[in-house]
Amino acid sequence: MNTTLKNIEQMILQVGLGDRVAFRSLYQATSPKLFGICIRILKDRSEAEDALQEVYIKVWRAASKFASLDSSPISWLAAIARNHAIDIVRARRPDVVDIDATEELTDDDLDPEQRAIGMSEGRRIERCLDELEAARADAIRGAYIEGFSYQELSDRYDVPINTMRTWLRRGLAKLRECLER
């Protein structure tokens, strides 16, 4: 694990102990990335800013449950941000997120290196999604970017709900394998 990830992991562990200084440092180190996730899903800067604050409240409350053996610290934080933003999307049922347009949505505070890393990660994910069967890749986008429920996706693709769950679980496993290469 590189030094930055190790530092973030240590900050999360300290936040779990109630360390406000570590929380401030964690926010400074990770908020641009988490804000990017929120704005990509929500497509509204003001709503993304509000969501980000709620995400960090969840991080504060859940940090003591972080298990470094189960996931990387960035993945854990990103999952909290993504899930919270998707919950907001589901509550308001917005227009579909255009995945191609999301690369253009960036935080003005990000430096060029951070933008390049974010765009590179997006391209890697898209490349890996392209390796999946088209319907399954679309179902993954529907579930994790557009916020559709299993039932909605099951109806959309005319498959039983358990089949949809299997598609998503296996598709995510293949994505993970691809991203680890």
Foldseek 3Di string as FASTA:
>chain_A
DDPLLVLLLVLLCVLLVVDVVSLVVNCVSCVQVLLLLLCQQQVDNVVSVVLSVVLSVVSSVCSVVDDCVVDGSNVVSNVSSQVSSLVVCVVVVDDFRDLVCSLVDGDPPDDPVVSVVVVVVSVLLVVLLVVDDVLLSVLLCCCRRRNDDLVVSCVVVVHDSVVSVVSNVVSVVSSVVSVVD
